[in-house]
Each structure stands twice: as C-alpha cells, then as structure tokens.
C-alpha cells in the first residue's frame, strides 16, 4: 500500500502534460537484431505472444539520522526478462547477465515453460512513438551526490529550528534513472527513460510528561532536481515538525459512527486502497473483487467520479508507457457513482476480451507485469471546503493517514488516522489520537455527501505494494464528507 504523509499545496497539479521537447534518442539498450532473435527463440515452441523487457536502473539513496548522514549509496540494477504466453499459460525467465548466450537461454527457458508447439519464425520489430508526460534534465543520475545529501542537512536544520520540542529528526532521499525497452511479437518496440525522486522527513516531538508524537512528510515525482528549489527540504521538514507538535496533547478519539471530513490530497490513500485495487483486472477476472460483474451498476454516490491517470504531468505514478510498452492512459473508473471500467494489463485484457488500458506495471525485469494503478484521484465537486466543515455539528476531521488494510473480497478496510481533529459546531477542535476509520469500500462511497471544489494531489510519496512488487503511485482528492462511517477509538461516547 502507499506510504507517505500529508499533501503539499506546492505539489504539481493534476493536469495533462503540456507539449515537451523530446530528449535526444539514447543508444538502444540492446541491439535490435538481438532483440528480434530473442523473440524468435521465445516462440520456437509456438505460443501466441512473446515479449522482451529490458531494464537498466541507476539509484541513489541517502539516509540522515540525528544531524548526520548515516549512509549515501548508489546502485545499478539491470537485466532482461522474456515472457511467452500460450493460451492462458505464461512462461517467464530473466537474466542479469547481458551476455548473448545467457539471454538466449532465458528466452528458451520461457518458451519451455509455456510449452507451445511450432516451427521457427522471425519477428521484426519497429520503434513506436512514445508520448511525453515528463522530462527530467539533467538526468538525476548526473546530479552530484553532495547536492542530494545537502537537501537532508537543510531539512534537519529547519525541523530543529521549528520548535524546541522537536527532539529527533530522520530523513531520506532517493532517486533513480530507469531506462526500459519493451519489444513484442506484434512488431512493437518502445523505450522510455523514467527519472523519479522523493524526499521524506520524520520528526519526533516531546511534550509534557514525556509524551512523544511523530510527524512525517515528503514529496517528489518525475521531476528534475531543480524541483527542490520550489518544494524545498525546509518546507518538507517544517510540515513534518508541525504535525508532530500539533498533535501533542491530543485527546483520546471517541469510538462509534461519525461524520468524517477528509482533508484534500494524501487522504486519497483511502480511495486507492479501499476502491482502486478492487478495480484491477486480475482480481476482476478471478472473481475475487467485490466489484466483479458490476459494470454499469451504481456503486457510489452521484458525487463520486474516480479517475486513474497515467498522463498527469510529472506525477509520481505517471508513465509514458507501461511495462508492456503500451501508452499510459487516463481512465474513468467510476462516473457519477456508476462503475465504468477496470484497469487492464495485456494478458488479462486478452483473456477477458478487452484491450489494455496501459496499466501493466512491474517492479523490475525480475517480475511479471500485472494490472496496477498510476495516479488515482477523486474528481472535484462544487462545494466550498469551508462550507463542508461548517455544516458538520460534530464529527472527525482527518488530516493525515498512516497505514491501513483492505480485504478486496468484501471491501472491508481499516485505516490509521495519524493526524485528526474533533469537529465541533463546524469548527476544528482539539487534536485526537488513536483514531482509525473502519468500513466497507462501496458503503463508504455511497455515503459521500459532499465533494469539495479544491482538488489536490498528494505531494509525491506513494509506494504501492501488491503480490510482492512495489510501484510508485500518486493519489489525490478534494475535501470530502462521508456520513455514518465507523471511527475506532479508545474512548466511548
């Protein structure tokens, strides 16, 4: 599931990317004749489809603890994966050895696993045009590591200067420059360079009686290093410190059904987990999702329109192409409460008689692609956020979320609210602690009674886990009111 903290007003807006000048085409990751030979070997036992996936990723990771750089590391991950599909059977093999013989063995192994039957054939490929929803220059791998460590030192200083009650500051910075190439037996060959970075800061504040509270914040995306000139590490650190200090002296949360108001931005994690995963086609095809077989049916309030958009300019979850070489898309999943579509990778689309929605993603060349979200958000409504709050006589305002769990088979979810406030007579009251939201995804969607006109993406920290694979994602929503949702707490009303 995604892990991060509250949103930033400086985060990039949810808009389609403007036209971007293309960077010069780099040297191919693998020579085209070798790619075509791998496809031929992959199909030598027959099969319906074969694909070659090539990856080369350079990563930098820096960690700060107690005003010192604890570690600064760079690493390289590279390899080739070969997939063969024969009916519903999939053969997959990979190699991190770029020697031609090793790659041919991987292709032959994938063919053997799929166990088709057929004669030798050739599969010429042609480079296809790729859209551009991000452009990072210079590549993050070309930025000096000393500049990256400097971001965390600045964050540490700003957090400690925020308030004398700040006692501990930890920080992390990570970036990657990832080049991928995808070729398949449909004759399509695509390449993309995907730069990605993020910074995160955790602050611990101590109050009276030794009470300790934690705040976390961060951001990033497919953005150049100059992004930190406007979304500064000082901004990140001060917001983390604010969260920690603001929740000192929090009172126990009252348990029971309440009206809940979700803050804009990172609260979209609730949408991502409680609804989004259930719309991924592998779960739909297997019948394990609560949303299976409900296309065209009413599944939410009229105010609810949910979109997954891989074309958001510079978004953390944005993709020019997915990890099957298909262009990223903007998909309306739920419109005015009606279920309109699912997220398809190529395999599940084929098995279900649909087309790919550019949702096939994989963590690395070692993994098979599967349907995944990109940037998932709730479309804005017409209500002013201040009016949404004023209308609530008594309830809970959820500013920041922590972890959560969802069972997609029945929609049950539990989410930790890391920063929350009482709502009393339309105004924010005291901070509360130990609050959780408990409910069923579709029921919560049907109880949405107000949607604000203030859409906000999260600041770019989301990491989604599924079947052992982690992927960068974005979430977002405007201010939202949900009626009659169960709040878990340690105090009985």
Protein backbone atom coordinates (compact mmCIF):
# COMPACT_ATOMS: atom_id res chain seq x y z
CA UNK A 1 0.00 0.00 0.00
CA UNK A 2 1.18 3.56 -0.47
CA UNK A 3 3.23 5.01 2.36
CA UNK A 4 3.71 8.72 2.83
CA UNK A 5 2.17 11.64 4.64
CA UNK A 6 0.12 14.76 4.19
CA UNK A 7 -0.18 16.74 0.93
CA UNK A 8 1.54 19.94 -0.07
CA UNK A 9 -0.08 22.99 -1.61
CA UNK A 10 3.02 23.18 -3.75
CA UNK A 11 2.54 19.73 -5.21
CA UNK A 12 2.09 19.56 -9.00
CA UNK A 13 -1.50 19.98 -10.16
CA UNK A 14 -3.49 17.21 -11.77
CA UNK A 15 -3.26 18.38 -15.36
CA UNK A 16 -2.31 16.78 -18.62
CA UNK A 17 1.27 17.40 -19.59
CA UNK A 18 1.98 20.30 -21.94
CA UNK A 19 3.96 19.55 -25.09
CA UNK A 20 7.53 18.73 -24.11
CA UNK A 21 10.63 18.84 -26.28
CA UNK A 22 11.98 15.34 -26.69
CA UNK A 23 15.42 14.48 -25.41
CA UNK A 24 17.88 13.04 -27.93
CA UNK A 25 17.26 9.34 -28.53
CA UNK A 26 19.83 7.39 -26.47
CA UNK A 27 21.69 4.35 -27.70
CA UNK A 28 19.43 1.29 -27.64
CA UNK A 29 19.66 -0.83 -24.50
CA UNK A 30 20.01 -3.95 -26.66
CA UNK A 31 20.84 -4.16 -30.37
CA UNK A 32 17.66 -4.64 -32.41
CA UNK A 33 18.94 -7.81 -34.16
CA UNK A 34 19.49 -9.42 -30.75
CA UNK A 35 16.02 -8.39 -29.57
CA UNK A 36 14.49 -9.96 -32.68
CA UNK A 37 16.50 -13.14 -32.16
CA UNK A 38 15.30 -13.39 -28.55
CA UNK A 39 11.70 -13.12 -29.75
CA UNK A 40 12.28 -15.84 -32.33
CA UNK A 41 13.81 -18.20 -29.74
CA UNK A 42 10.99 -17.42 -27.30
CA UNK A 43 8.45 -18.50 -29.93
CA UNK A 44 10.34 -21.54 -31.23
CA UNK A 45 7.99 -23.88 -29.33
CA UNK A 46 4.95 -21.99 -30.53
CA UNK A 47 2.79 -19.75 -28.39
CA UNK A 48 0.51 -16.81 -29.01
CA UNK A 49 2.75 -13.97 -27.92
CA UNK A 50 6.26 -13.20 -26.73
CA UNK A 51 7.81 -10.12 -25.18
CA UNK A 52 11.31 -8.96 -24.29
CA UNK A 53 11.67 -6.49 -21.42
CA UNK A 54 14.99 -4.70 -20.88
CA UNK A 55 15.81 -2.56 -17.84
CA UNK A 56 18.75 -0.51 -16.61
CA UNK A 57 18.17 1.44 -13.37
CA UNK A 58 20.65 3.64 -11.51
CA UNK A 59 19.63 4.51 -7.94
CA UNK A 60 20.95 6.88 -5.28
CA UNK A 61 19.79 6.56 -1.66
CA UNK A 62 20.80 8.86 1.21
CA UNK A 63 19.79 8.49 4.87
CA UNK A 64 20.09 11.05 7.68
CA UNK A 65 19.90 10.32 11.40
CA UNK A 66 20.45 12.77 14.23
CA UNK A 67 22.02 15.53 12.13
CA UNK A 68 24.46 13.20 10.40
CA UNK A 69 24.45 11.49 7.02
CA UNK A 70 24.17 7.85 8.01
CA UNK A 71 24.63 6.45 4.51
CA UNK A 72 24.87 7.52 0.88
CA UNK A 73 24.77 4.73 -1.66
CA UNK A 74 24.43 4.29 -5.40
CA UNK A 75 23.45 1.10 -7.15
CA UNK A 76 22.77 -0.39 -10.56
CA UNK A 77 20.05 -2.90 -11.43
CA UNK A 78 19.95 -4.22 -14.96
CA UNK A 79 18.65 -7.26 -16.75
CA UNK A 80 16.34 -8.74 -19.34
CA UNK A 81 13.07 -10.63 -18.88
CA UNK A 82 11.40 -12.77 -21.55
CA UNK A 83 7.72 -13.70 -21.41
CA UNK A 84 5.85 -16.21 -23.57
CA UNK A 85 2.05 -16.59 -23.49
CA UNK A 86 0.35 -19.69 -24.85
CA UNK A 87 -3.39 -19.62 -24.23
CA UNK A 88 -3.69 -18.85 -20.54
CA UNK A 89 -0.26 -20.25 -19.73
CA UNK A 90 2.69 -17.93 -19.13
CA UNK A 91 6.37 -18.74 -19.28
CA UNK A 92 8.81 -16.22 -17.83
CA UNK A 93 12.57 -16.20 -17.38
CA UNK A 94 15.09 -13.44 -16.78
CA UNK A 95 18.83 -12.85 -16.71
CA UNK A 96 21.03 -10.16 -15.19
CA UNK A 97 23.86 -11.42 -17.38
CA UNK A 98 23.85 -9.42 -20.63
CA UNK A 99 25.94 -11.99 -22.46
CA UNK A 100 24.08 -13.07 -25.60
CA UNK A 101 24.22 -16.75 -24.69
CA UNK A 102 22.67 -16.07 -21.26
CA UNK A 103 19.86 -14.04 -22.81
CA UNK A 104 19.14 -16.75 -25.37
CA UNK A 105 18.95 -19.31 -22.55
CA UNK A 106 16.39 -17.12 -20.78
CA UNK A 107 14.30 -16.90 -23.96
CA UNK A 108 14.50 -20.67 -24.46
CA UNK A 109 13.52 -21.29 -20.82
CA UNK A 110 10.45 -19.05 -21.12
CA UNK A 111 9.44 -20.95 -24.27
CA UNK A 112 9.87 -24.27 -22.49
CA UNK A 113 7.70 -23.17 -19.54
CA UNK A 114 4.90 -22.02 -21.84
CA UNK A 115 5.21 -25.31 -23.80
CA UNK A 116 3.62 -24.31 -27.04
CA UNK A 117 4.37 -26.05 -30.29
CA UNK A 118 5.51 -24.66 -33.63
CA UNK A 119 8.21 -24.01 -36.18
CA UNK A 120 10.96 -21.39 -36.29
CA UNK A 121 9.70 -17.91 -37.21
CA UNK A 122 11.08 -14.38 -37.35
CA UNK A 123 9.62 -11.34 -35.60
CA UNK A 124 10.93 -7.99 -36.88
CA UNK A 125 10.13 -5.01 -34.66
CA UNK A 126 9.75 -1.31 -35.37
CA UNK A 127 10.24 1.52 -32.91
CA UNK A 128 6.91 3.10 -31.95
CA UNK A 129 6.34 6.71 -30.94
CA UNK A 130 6.16 7.34 -27.19
CA UNK A 131 4.21 10.21 -25.56
CA UNK A 132 5.98 12.56 -23.15
CA UNK A 133 4.39 13.35 -19.79
CA UNK A 134 7.67 14.13 -18.00
CA UNK A 135 11.12 15.30 -18.97
CA UNK A 136 13.93 15.44 -16.42
CA UNK A 137 17.06 17.33 -17.40
CA UNK A 138 19.74 16.73 -16.41
CA UNK A 139 19.00 13.09 -15.52
CA UNK A 140 19.00 12.62 -11.76
CA UNK A 141 21.91 10.19 -12.01
CA UNK A 142 24.06 13.09 -13.27
CA UNK A 143 23.45 15.26 -10.16
CA UNK A 144 26.29 15.26 -7.61
CA UNK A 145 25.59 13.16 -4.51
CA UNK A 146 26.82 16.04 -2.33
CA UNK A 147 23.86 18.12 -3.50
CA UNK A 148 21.49 15.33 -2.51
CA UNK A 149 22.99 14.94 0.97
CA UNK A 150 22.78 18.72 1.30
CA UNK A 151 18.99 18.56 0.99
CA UNK A 152 18.74 16.40 4.10
CA UNK A 153 21.12 18.56 6.13
CA UNK A 154 18.95 21.59 5.29
CA UNK A 155 15.84 19.67 6.30
CA UNK A 156 17.38 18.66 9.63
CA UNK A 157 18.28 22.25 10.44
CA UNK A 158 14.81 23.57 9.55
CA UNK A 159 12.98 20.92 11.59
CA UNK A 160 15.04 21.57 14.71
CA UNK A 161 14.57 25.31 14.37
CA UNK A 162 10.79 24.94 14.08
CA UNK A 163 10.12 24.27 17.77
CA UNK A 164 12.17 23.49 20.87
CA UNK A 165 10.02 20.42 21.44
CA UNK A 166 11.47 18.74 18.34
CA UNK A 167 13.80 16.06 19.71
CA UNK A 168 14.54 13.75 16.80
CA UNK A 169 14.82 14.16 13.03
CA UNK A 170 15.36 11.41 10.46
CA UNK A 171 15.36 11.90 6.73
CA UNK A 172 15.74 10.08 3.46
CA UNK A 173 16.36 10.96 -0.16
CA UNK A 174 16.15 8.51 -3.05
CA UNK A 175 16.22 8.90 -6.80
CA UNK A 176 16.51 6.70 -9.83
CA UNK A 177 17.08 6.99 -13.54
CA UNK A 178 15.37 3.98 -15.09
CA UNK A 179 15.62 3.09 -18.76
CA UNK A 180 13.33 0.42 -20.15
CA UNK A 181 12.74 -1.11 -23.56
CA UNK A 182 9.86 -3.41 -24.50
CA UNK A 183 9.61 -5.42 -27.72
CA UNK A 184 6.98 -7.97 -28.66
CA UNK A 185 5.87 -10.27 -31.44
CA UNK A 186 3.25 -7.77 -32.56
CA UNK A 187 6.20 -5.88 -34.04
CA UNK A 188 6.14 -3.09 -31.49
CA UNK A 189 9.33 -1.72 -29.88
CA UNK A 190 9.25 1.11 -27.33
CA UNK A 191 11.75 2.74 -25.00
CA UNK A 192 11.40 5.19 -22.14
CA UNK A 193 13.59 6.93 -19.58
CA UNK A 194 11.86 7.33 -16.21
CA UNK A 195 13.51 9.59 -13.65
CA UNK A 196 11.97 9.62 -10.19
CA UNK A 197 12.91 11.21 -6.87
CA UNK A 198 11.49 11.81 -3.41
CA UNK A 199 12.49 13.21 -0.05
CA UNK A 200 10.97 12.24 3.31
CA UNK A 201 11.37 13.59 6.82
CA UNK A 202 10.22 12.11 10.13
CA UNK A 203 10.14 14.30 13.23
CA UNK A 204 9.55 13.31 16.85
CA UNK A 205 8.36 16.00 19.26
CA UNK A 206 8.23 15.65 23.04
CA UNK A 207 5.70 17.39 25.26
CA UNK A 208 4.72 17.46 28.90
CA UNK A 209 5.20 14.30 30.89
CA UNK A 210 7.44 12.83 28.21
CA UNK A 211 4.63 12.47 25.65
CA UNK A 212 6.09 11.88 22.21
CA UNK A 213 4.35 12.40 18.88
CA UNK A 214 5.57 11.78 15.34
CA UNK A 215 5.10 13.75 12.14
CA UNK A 216 6.01 12.60 8.63
CA UNK A 217 6.07 14.46 5.36
CA UNK A 218 7.74 14.36 1.98
CA UNK A 219 7.30 14.63 -1.74
CA UNK A 220 8.76 14.31 -5.19
CA UNK A 221 7.79 12.83 -8.53
CA UNK A 222 9.14 12.58 -12.05
CA UNK A 223 10.76 15.95 -11.63
CA UNK A 224 14.21 17.49 -12.13
CA UNK A 225 16.49 18.25 -9.19
CA UNK A 226 15.50 21.91 -9.50
CA UNK A 227 12.10 20.85 -8.10
CA UNK A 228 13.67 21.25 -4.65
CA UNK A 229 14.11 24.98 -5.29
CA UNK A 230 10.34 25.47 -5.04
CA UNK A 231 9.28 22.44 -2.99
CA UNK A 232 12.17 22.91 -0.60
CA UNK A 233 13.53 20.48 2.01
CA UNK A 234 12.84 23.24 4.56
CA UNK A 235 9.14 23.15 3.58
CA UNK A 236 9.10 19.38 4.00
CA UNK A 237 10.83 19.50 7.39
CA UNK A 238 8.63 22.25 8.79
CA UNK A 239 5.47 20.39 7.80
CA UNK A 240 6.70 17.19 9.46
CA UNK A 241 7.58 19.18 12.57
CA UNK A 242 4.20 20.94 12.52
CA UNK A 243 2.39 17.61 12.50
CA UNK A 244 4.41 16.29 15.42
CA UNK A 245 3.99 19.41 17.54
CA UNK A 246 0.32 19.94 16.65
CA UNK A 247 -0.67 16.52 17.94
CA UNK A 248 0.98 16.91 21.36
CA UNK A 249 -1.73 16.93 23.99
CA UNK A 250 -4.16 15.06 21.75
CA UNK A 251 -7.20 13.58 23.47
CA UNK A 252 -8.48 10.03 23.04
CA UNK A 253 -10.67 9.52 19.99
CA UNK A 254 -14.34 8.74 20.59
CA UNK A 255 -15.38 5.42 19.05
CA UNK A 256 -18.56 4.93 17.06
CA UNK A 257 -20.34 6.06 13.87
CA UNK A 258 -19.47 9.65 12.96
CA UNK A 259 -19.48 12.16 10.15
CA UNK A 260 -15.95 12.36 8.79
CA UNK A 261 -14.34 15.08 6.70
CA UNK A 262 -11.24 14.09 4.72
CA UNK A 263 -8.59 16.71 4.06
CA UNK A 264 -7.61 17.15 0.41
CA UNK A 265 -4.57 15.40 -1.03
CA UNK A 266 -2.99 12.45 0.74
CA UNK A 267 -6.35 11.29 2.08
CA UNK A 268 -6.71 9.79 -1.39
CA UNK A 269 -4.85 6.79 0.02
CA UNK A 270 -8.25 5.70 1.34
CA UNK A 271 -9.63 5.74 -2.20
CA UNK A 272 -6.59 3.93 -3.60
CA UNK A 273 -6.79 1.09 -1.12
CA UNK A 274 -10.49 0.73 -0.38
CA UNK A 275 -11.60 1.01 -4.02
CA UNK A 276 -8.72 1.10 -6.51
CA UNK A 277 -7.26 -2.38 -6.01
CA UNK A 278 -10.69 -3.90 -6.40
CA UNK A 279 -10.86 -2.45 -9.93
CA UNK A 280 -7.68 -4.19 -11.13
CA UNK A 281 -8.49 -6.74 -13.82
CA UNK A 282 -6.66 -9.74 -12.35
CA UNK A 283 -8.90 -9.59 -9.29
CA UNK A 284 -11.93 -8.98 -11.50
CA UNK A 285 -11.17 -11.95 -13.80
CA UNK A 286 -10.69 -14.29 -10.86
CA UNK A 287 -13.91 -13.08 -9.25
CA UNK A 288 -12.14 -12.14 -6.02
CA UNK A 289 -13.12 -8.46 -6.14
CA UNK A 290 -16.34 -7.06 -4.74
CA UNK A 291 -16.65 -5.06 -7.99
CA UNK A 292 -16.57 -8.09 -10.32
CA UNK A 293 -19.57 -8.27 -12.66
CA UNK A 294 -20.87 -4.82 -11.71
CA UNK A 295 -20.03 -2.76 -14.81
CA UNK A 296 -22.80 -0.26 -15.42
CA UNK A 297 -24.16 -0.59 -11.90
CA UNK A 298 -24.46 2.09 -9.25
CA UNK A 299 -21.65 1.54 -6.75
CA UNK A 300 -21.22 5.00 -5.21
CA UNK A 301 -22.84 8.35 -4.52
CA UNK A 302 -23.73 10.54 -7.53
CA UNK A 303 -20.94 12.85 -6.34
CA UNK A 304 -18.24 10.24 -6.88
CA UNK A 305 -16.15 10.17 -10.06
CA UNK A 306 -12.88 8.24 -9.79
CA UNK A 307 -10.10 8.51 -12.37
CA UNK A 308 -6.80 6.72 -12.80
CA UNK A 309 -4.50 8.87 -14.91
CA UNK A 310 -1.02 7.83 -16.01
CA UNK A 311 -0.66 11.01 -18.09
CA UNK A 312 -0.50 13.54 -15.23
CA UNK A 313 2.39 15.89 -15.89
CA UNK A 314 5.43 14.81 -13.83
CA UNK A 315 3.26 12.78 -11.43
CA UNK A 316 4.86 10.14 -9.25
CA UNK A 317 2.72 7.43 -10.80
CA UNK A 318 2.86 8.80 -14.35
CA UNK A 319 4.09 6.67 -17.24
CA UNK A 320 4.81 7.48 -20.86
CA UNK A 321 4.48 3.74 -21.46
CA UNK A 322 3.61 0.94 -19.11
CA UNK A 323 5.93 -2.01 -18.59
CA UNK A 324 4.38 -3.78 -21.57
CA UNK A 325 5.14 -0.88 -23.92
CA UNK A 326 1.57 0.46 -24.08
CA UNK A 327 0.97 4.22 -23.71
CA UNK A 328 -0.21 5.47 -20.33
CA UNK A 329 -3.87 6.49 -20.31
CA UNK A 330 -6.49 8.45 -18.43
CA UNK A 331 -9.22 6.03 -17.37
CA UNK A 332 -12.59 6.94 -15.83
CA UNK A 333 -13.35 4.05 -13.47
CA UNK A 334 -16.45 5.34 -11.71
CA UNK A 335 -18.52 8.21 -13.14
CA UNK A 336 -21.25 9.91 -11.13
CA UNK A 337 -21.44 6.79 -8.99
CA UNK A 338 -21.67 4.30 -11.88
CA UNK A 339 -18.93 1.70 -12.43
CA UNK A 340 -17.50 2.38 -15.90
CA UNK A 341 -14.34 0.31 -16.24
CA UNK A 342 -11.44 -1.69 -14.88
CA UNK A 343 -7.65 -1.47 -15.11
CA UNK A 344 -6.26 -3.95 -17.66
CA UNK A 345 -2.81 -5.24 -18.45
CA UNK A 346 -2.34 -7.06 -21.78
CA UNK A 347 -2.80 -10.62 -20.51
CA UNK A 348 -5.98 -10.03 -18.53
CA UNK A 349 -7.35 -7.86 -21.33
CA UNK A 350 -6.83 -10.69 -23.80
CA UNK A 351 -8.39 -13.29 -21.52
CA UNK A 352 -11.39 -11.02 -20.86
CA UNK A 353 -11.90 -9.85 -24.44
CA UNK A 354 -10.88 -6.27 -23.66
CA UNK A 355 -7.95 -4.01 -24.54
CA UNK A 356 -5.07 -2.94 -22.34
CA UNK A 357 -5.56 0.38 -20.54
CA UNK A 358 -1.81 0.91 -20.22
CA UNK A 359 -1.93 -0.48 -16.69
CA UNK A 360 0.60 -3.32 -16.96
CA UNK A 361 3.36 -2.49 -14.48
CA UNK A 362 6.23 -4.43 -12.91
CA UNK A 363 8.81 -3.63 -10.26
CA UNK A 364 11.76 -4.83 -12.34
CA UNK A 365 12.93 -7.21 -15.04
CA UNK A 366 12.67 -9.98 -12.43
CA UNK A 367 8.90 -9.64 -12.24
CA UNK A 368 5.86 -10.29 -14.42
CA UNK A 369 3.62 -7.30 -15.17
CA UNK A 370 0.18 -7.08 -13.59
CA UNK A 371 -2.66 -4.53 -13.55
CA UNK A 372 -1.67 -1.59 -11.34
CA UNK A 373 -2.86 1.93 -10.60
CA UNK A 374 -0.88 5.02 -11.62
CA UNK A 375 -2.29 8.32 -10.25
CA UNK A 376 -5.75 7.67 -8.80
CA UNK A 377 -7.97 10.51 -7.66
CA UNK A 378 -11.49 11.69 -6.98
CA UNK A 379 -12.75 14.38 -9.35
CA UNK A 380 -13.70 17.71 -7.72
CA UNK A 381 -17.25 18.72 -6.90
CA UNK A 382 -18.99 22.05 -6.36
CA UNK A 383 -18.82 22.54 -2.60
CA UNK A 384 -16.52 25.08 -0.95
CA UNK A 385 -14.30 23.25 1.57
CA UNK A 386 -15.05 25.76 4.32
CA UNK A 387 -18.79 25.17 3.85
CA UNK A 388 -18.32 21.41 4.08
CA UNK A 389 -16.73 21.87 7.51
CA UNK A 390 -19.30 24.42 8.70
CA UNK A 391 -22.17 22.01 8.04
CA UNK A 392 -20.83 19.39 10.46
CA UNK A 393 -22.07 19.88 14.01
CA UNK A 394 -19.97 17.07 15.46
CA UNK A 395 -17.53 14.76 13.73
CA UNK A 396 -13.91 13.99 12.89
CA UNK A 397 -11.54 15.84 10.54
CA UNK A 398 -8.88 13.51 9.10
CA UNK A 399 -5.82 15.49 8.04
CA UNK A 400 -3.22 12.76 7.56
CA UNK A 401 -3.35 8.99 7.19
CA UNK A 402 -0.87 6.32 8.15
CA UNK A 403 -1.12 2.63 7.30
CA UNK A 404 -4.17 0.57 6.51
CA UNK A 405 -5.54 -2.82 5.50
CA UNK A 406 -8.17 -3.78 2.93
CA UNK A 407 -9.80 -7.08 2.01
CA UNK A 408 -10.79 -6.72 -1.66
CA UNK A 409 -13.09 -9.75 -1.49
CA UNK A 410 -15.56 -7.97 0.78
CA UNK A 411 -14.33 -4.36 0.76
CA UNK A 412 -13.63 -4.22 4.50
CA UNK A 413 -10.97 -1.66 5.42
CA UNK A 414 -9.21 -0.27 8.48
CA UNK A 415 -7.05 2.87 8.26
CA UNK A 416 -4.97 4.63 10.89
CA UNK A 417 -5.50 8.39 11.04
CA UNK A 418 -2.20 9.90 12.12
CA UNK A 419 -3.43 13.50 12.40
CA UNK A 420 -7.07 14.14 13.27
CA UNK A 421 -9.18 16.80 14.98
CA UNK A 422 -12.57 16.96 16.59
CA UNK A 423 -15.20 18.91 14.68
CA UNK A 424 -17.45 20.91 16.98
CA UNK A 425 -20.17 23.21 15.64
CA UNK A 426 -18.49 23.47 12.25
CA UNK A 427 -15.02 24.28 13.58
CA UNK A 428 -11.86 22.30 14.22
CA UNK A 429 -11.39 21.43 17.86
CA UNK A 430 -8.71 19.56 19.79
CA UNK A 431 -6.41 17.03 18.14
CA UNK A 432 -7.30 13.41 18.80
CA UNK A 433 -5.13 10.30 18.96
CA UNK A 434 -5.56 6.60 18.26
CA UNK A 435 -8.22 7.20 15.60
CA UNK A 436 -9.00 4.66 12.89
CA UNK A 437 -11.57 4.56 10.09
CA UNK A 438 -13.39 1.25 9.73
CA UNK A 439 -15.80 0.42 6.95
CA UNK A 440 -16.67 -1.21 3.64
CA UNK A 441 -15.43 0.46 0.46
CA UNK A 442 -18.69 0.56 -1.54
CA UNK A 443 -20.72 1.60 1.52
CA UNK A 444 -18.31 4.45 2.23
CA UNK A 445 -18.59 5.56 -1.42
CA UNK A 446 -22.37 5.62 -1.18
CA UNK A 447 -22.18 7.73 1.99
CA UNK A 448 -20.17 10.51 0.34
CA UNK A 449 -22.42 13.54 0.82
CA UNK A 450 -20.13 16.46 -0.11
CA UNK A 451 -17.20 16.78 -2.52
CA UNK A 452 -15.14 19.95 -2.47
CA UNK A 453 -14.02 22.16 -5.32
CA UNK A 454 -10.40 22.01 -4.10
CA UNK A 455 -8.73 19.04 -5.85
CA UNK A 456 -5.22 18.31 -4.62
CA UNK A 457 -2.74 15.57 -5.47
CA UNK A 458 -0.53 14.11 -2.80
CA UNK A 459 2.98 15.61 -2.80
CA UNK A 460 4.56 12.57 -4.45
CA UNK A 461 5.41 9.93 -1.86
CA UNK A 462 3.13 6.97 -2.58
CA UNK A 463 4.51 3.43 -2.82
CA UNK A 464 2.01 0.68 -3.59
CA UNK A 465 2.66 -2.96 -2.76
CA UNK A 466 0.92 -5.86 -4.50
CA UNK A 467 1.94 -9.51 -4.67
CA UNK A 468 5.46 -8.67 -3.53
CA UNK A 469 6.01 -5.87 -6.05
CA UNK A 470 6.36 -2.18 -5.12
CA UNK A 471 5.46 0.60 -7.56
CA UNK A 472 5.39 4.42 -7.33
CA UNK A 473 1.86 5.79 -7.39
CA UNK A 474 0.01 9.04 -6.90
CA UNK A 475 -3.26 9.67 -5.07
CA UNK A 476 -5.46 12.69 -4.56
CA UNK A 477 -8.88 14.07 -3.78
CA UNK A 478 -10.62 17.30 -2.77
CA UNK A 479 -12.18 17.86 0.66
CA UNK A 480 -14.76 15.09 1.13
CA UNK A 481 -17.51 14.48 3.67
CA UNK A 482 -18.55 10.89 4.44
CA UNK A 483 -21.57 10.31 6.66
CA UNK A 484 -22.06 7.49 9.15
CA UNK A 485 -18.63 5.88 8.96
CA UNK A 486 -17.33 3.87 11.90
CA UNK A 487 -14.50 5.53 13.80
CA UNK A 488 -12.34 3.36 16.01
CA UNK A 489 -11.00 4.93 19.18
CA UNK A 490 -10.13 4.39 22.81
CA UNK A 491 -12.94 6.47 24.30
CA UNK A 492 -16.61 5.53 24.49
CA UNK A 493 -19.10 8.33 23.85
